[in-house]
Amino acid sequence: LQNNNKCLKAIAVAQKAAQEDQAGNYEEAIRSYKHAAKYFLHILNREPQGKDGNQKIREKCKEYLDRAEELHEYLEYKEVDTDLCLLCKCINNYRHRGLFNHPDSF
């Protein structure tokens, strides 16, 4: 029964991760995916589930961690992209003011 409760808790955390992911709450999804993977790995270490069960749990953990990494990379890219957009807007603003009109100014 204790093992079943731990599995149910791990599944609930994984479901929360997927819900946060679908809702666009990527930072929370990352935390939840990592938390779900840790939960399942803890179950594997404490209470092995047989060869097939262990393999399925490992595969799910890999999926969760891979998705967390994808989201992390997306958020980093999005941040850099936003910074570049702001920089371009600033440069265009300065050009309109005549600060970068000289050919040697860049």
C-alpha atoms as a PDB file:
ATOM      1  CA  LEU A   1       0.000   0.000   0.000  1.00  0.00           C
ATOM      2  CA  GLN A   2       2.841   2.402   0.809  1.00  0.00           C
ATOM      3  CA  ASN A   3       4.428   1.695  -2.594  1.00  0.00           C
ATOM      4  CA  ASN A   4       1.081   2.360  -4.292  1.00  0.00           C
ATOM      5  CA  ASN A   5       0.753   5.730  -2.508  1.00  0.00           C
ATOM      6  CA  LYS A   6       4.248   6.741  -3.628  1.00  0.00           C
ATOM      7  CA  CYS A   7       3.459   5.785  -7.217  1.00  0.00           C
ATOM      8  CA  LEU A   8       0.204   7.727  -7.109  1.00  0.00           C
ATOM      9  CA  LYS A   9       2.036  10.780  -5.757  1.00  0.00           C
ATOM     10  CA  ALA A  10       4.687  10.524  -8.482  1.00  0.00           C
ATOM     11  CA  ILE A  11       1.986  10.206 -11.149  1.00  0.00           C
ATOM     12  CA  ALA A  12       0.154  13.235  -9.740  1.00  0.00           C
ATOM     13  CA  VAL A  13       3.342  15.323  -9.911  1.00  0.00           C
ATOM     14  CA  ALA A  14       3.925  14.183 -13.510  1.00  0.00           C
ATOM     15  CA  GLN A  15       0.350  15.106 -14.431  1.00  0.00           C
ATOM     16  CA  LYS A  16       0.815  18.526 -12.842  1.00  0.00           C
ATOM     17  CA  ALA A  17       3.956  18.999 -14.929  1.00  0.00           C
ATOM     18  CA  ALA A  18       2.060  18.189 -18.120  1.00  0.00           C
ATOM     19  CA  GLN A  19      -0.768  20.561 -17.167  1.00  0.00           C
ATOM     20  CA  GLU A  20       1.655  23.395 -16.438  1.00  0.00           C
ATOM     21  CA  ASP A  21       3.443  22.670 -19.712  1.00  0.00           C
ATOM     22  CA  GLN A  22       0.186  22.822 -21.702  1.00  0.00           C
ATOM     23  CA  ALA A  23      -0.815  26.031 -19.910  1.00  0.00           C
ATOM     24  CA  GLY A  24       2.475  27.683 -20.873  1.00  0.00           C
ATOM     25  CA  ASN A  25       3.732  27.865 -17.285  1.00  0.00           C
ATOM     26  CA  TYR A  26       7.111  26.552 -18.336  1.00  0.00           C
ATOM     27  CA  GLU A  27       9.138  27.358 -15.234  1.00  0.00           C
ATOM     28  CA  GLU A  28       6.656  25.492 -13.040  1.00  0.00           C
ATOM     29  CA  ALA A  29       6.513  22.668 -15.587  1.00  0.00           C
ATOM     30  CA  ILE A  30      10.305  22.320 -15.440  1.00  0.00           C
ATOM     31  CA  ARG A  31      10.233  22.094 -11.650  1.00  0.00           C
ATOM     32  CA  SER A  32       7.410  19.556 -11.722  1.00  0.00           C
ATOM     33  CA  TYR A  33       9.010  17.373 -14.420  1.00  0.00           C
ATOM     34  CA  LYS A  34      12.233  17.248 -12.405  1.00  0.00           C
ATOM     35  CA  HIS A  35      10.328  16.559  -9.209  1.00  0.00           C
ATOM     36  CA  ALA A  36       8.362  13.728 -10.863  1.00  0.00           C
ATOM     37  CA  ALA A  37      11.567  12.146 -12.166  1.00  0.00           C
ATOM     38  CA  LYS A  38      13.133  12.319  -8.695  1.00  0.00           C
ATOM     39  CA  TYR A  39      10.023  10.764  -7.181  1.00  0.00           C
ATOM     40  CA  PHE A  40      10.060   7.857  -9.622  1.00  0.00           C
ATOM     41  CA  LEU A  41      13.811   7.317  -9.237  1.00  0.00           C
ATOM     42  CA  HIS A  42      13.364   7.246  -5.474  1.00  0.00           C
ATOM     43  CA  ILE A  43      10.732   4.537  -5.920  1.00  0.00           C
ATOM     44  CA  LEU A  44      13.124   2.568  -8.145  1.00  0.00           C
ATOM     45  CA  ASN A  45      15.930   2.792  -5.606  1.00  0.00           C
ATOM     46  CA  ARG A  46      13.771   1.874  -2.624  1.00  0.00           C
ATOM     47  CA  GLU A  47      11.284  -0.550  -4.126  1.00  0.00           C
ATOM     48  CA  PRO A  48      12.262  -2.078  -7.480  1.00  0.00           C
ATOM     49  CA  GLN A  49       9.290  -2.788  -9.762  1.00  0.00           C
ATOM     50  CA  GLY A  50      10.652  -5.801 -11.646  1.00  0.00           C
ATOM     51  CA  LYS A  51      12.648  -5.668 -14.882  1.00  0.00           C
ATOM     52  CA  ASP A  52       9.826  -4.383 -17.111  1.00  0.00           C
ATOM     53  CA  GLY A  53       8.498  -1.973 -14.502  1.00  0.00           C
ATOM     54  CA  ASN A  54      11.954  -0.566 -13.823  1.00  0.00           C
ATOM     55  CA  GLN A  55      12.562  -0.045 -17.548  1.00  0.00           C
ATOM     56  CA  LYS A  56       9.240   1.755 -18.022  1.00  0.00           C
ATOM     57  CA  ILE A  57       9.942   4.021 -15.067  1.00  0.00           C
ATOM     58  CA  ARG A  58      13.432   4.824 -16.380  1.00  0.00           C
ATOM     59  CA  GLU A  59      11.979   5.664 -19.804  1.00  0.00           C
ATOM     60  CA  LYS A  60       9.391   7.978 -18.247  1.00  0.00           C
ATOM     61  CA  CYS A  61      12.070   9.671 -16.140  1.00  0.00           C
ATOM     62  CA  LYS A  62      14.123  10.255 -19.280  1.00  0.00           C
ATOM     63  CA  GLU A  63      11.068  11.728 -21.034  1.00  0.00           C
ATOM     64  CA  TYR A  64      10.417  14.069 -18.108  1.00  0.00           C
ATOM     65  CA  LEU A  65      14.029  15.204 -17.875  1.00  0.00           C
ATOM     66  CA  ASP A  66      14.300  15.633 -21.653  1.00  0.00           C
ATOM     67  CA  ARG A  67      11.161  17.782 -21.695  1.00  0.00           C
ATOM     68  CA  ALA A  68      12.432  19.843 -18.767  1.00  0.00           C
ATOM     69  CA  GLU A  69      15.664  20.447 -20.691  1.00  0.00           C
ATOM     70  CA  GLU A  70      13.744  21.430 -23.849  1.00  0.00           C
ATOM     71  CA  LEU A  71      11.692  23.935 -21.884  1.00  0.00           C
ATOM     72  CA  HIS A  72      14.788  25.303 -20.164  1.00  0.00           C
ATOM     73  CA  GLU A  73      16.504  25.841 -23.523  1.00  0.00           C
ATOM     74  CA  TYR A  74      13.356  27.459 -24.931  1.00  0.00           C
ATOM     75  CA  LEU A  75      13.175  29.896 -22.019  1.00  0.00           C
ATOM     76  CA  GLU A  76      16.858  30.776 -22.413  1.00  0.00           C
ATOM     77  CA  TYR A  77      16.391  31.334 -26.165  1.00  0.00           C
ATOM     78  CA  LYS A  78      13.267  33.398 -25.565  1.00  0.00           C
ATOM     79  CA  GLU A  79      15.158  35.604 -23.092  1.00  0.00           C
ATOM     80  CA  VAL A  80      18.026  36.167 -25.544  1.00  0.00           C
ATOM     81  CA  ASP A  81      15.555  36.811 -28.368  1.00  0.00           C
ATOM     82  CA  THR A  82      13.733  39.393 -26.240  1.00  0.00           C
ATOM     83  CA  ASP A  83      17.026  41.099 -25.393  1.00  0.00           C
ATOM     84  CA  LEU A  84      17.943  41.255 -29.096  1.00  0.00           C
ATOM     85  CA  CYS A  85      14.559  42.743 -29.985  1.00  0.00           C
ATOM     86  CA  LEU A  86      15.029  45.435 -27.363  1.00  0.00           C
ATOM     87  CA  LEU A  87      18.510  46.171 -28.687  1.00  0.00           C
ATOM     88  CA  CYS A  88      17.190  46.467 -32.253  1.00  0.00           C
ATOM     89  CA  LYS A  89      14.451  48.837 -31.118  1.00  0.00           C
ATOM     90  CA  CYS A  90      17.021  50.995 -29.335  1.00  0.00           C
ATOM     91  CA  ILE A  91      19.263  51.092 -32.401  1.00  0.00           C
ATOM     92  CA  ASN A  92      16.340  52.012 -34.657  1.00  0.00           C
ATOM     93  CA  ASN A  93      15.324  54.717 -32.218  1.00  0.00           C
ATOM     94  CA  TYR A  94      18.841  56.182 -32.290  1.00  0.00           C
ATOM     95  CA  ARG A  95      18.909  56.013 -36.102  1.00  0.00           C
ATOM     96  CA  HIS A  96      15.706  58.046 -36.262  1.00  0.00           C
ATOM     97  CA  ARG A  97      17.383  60.631 -34.064  1.00  0.00           C
ATOM     98  CA  GLY A  98      20.329  60.767 -36.468  1.00  0.00           C
ATOM     99  CA  LEU A  99      22.894  59.236 -34.115  1.00  0.00           C
ATOM    100  CA  PHE A 100      23.799  56.336 -36.433  1.00  0.00           C
ATOM    101  CA  ASN A 101      23.349  58.022 -39.805  1.00  0.00           C
ATOM    102  CA  HIS A 102      27.064  58.336 -40.518  1.00  0.00           C
ATOM    103  CA  PRO A 103      28.384  55.293 -42.489  1.00  0.00           C
ATOM    104  CA  ASP A 104      31.301  54.831 -40.075  1.00  0.00           C
ATOM    105  CA  SER A 105      29.147  54.949 -36.963  1.00  0.00           C
ATOM    106  CA  PHE A 106      28.735  51.183 -36.749  1.00  0.00           C
END
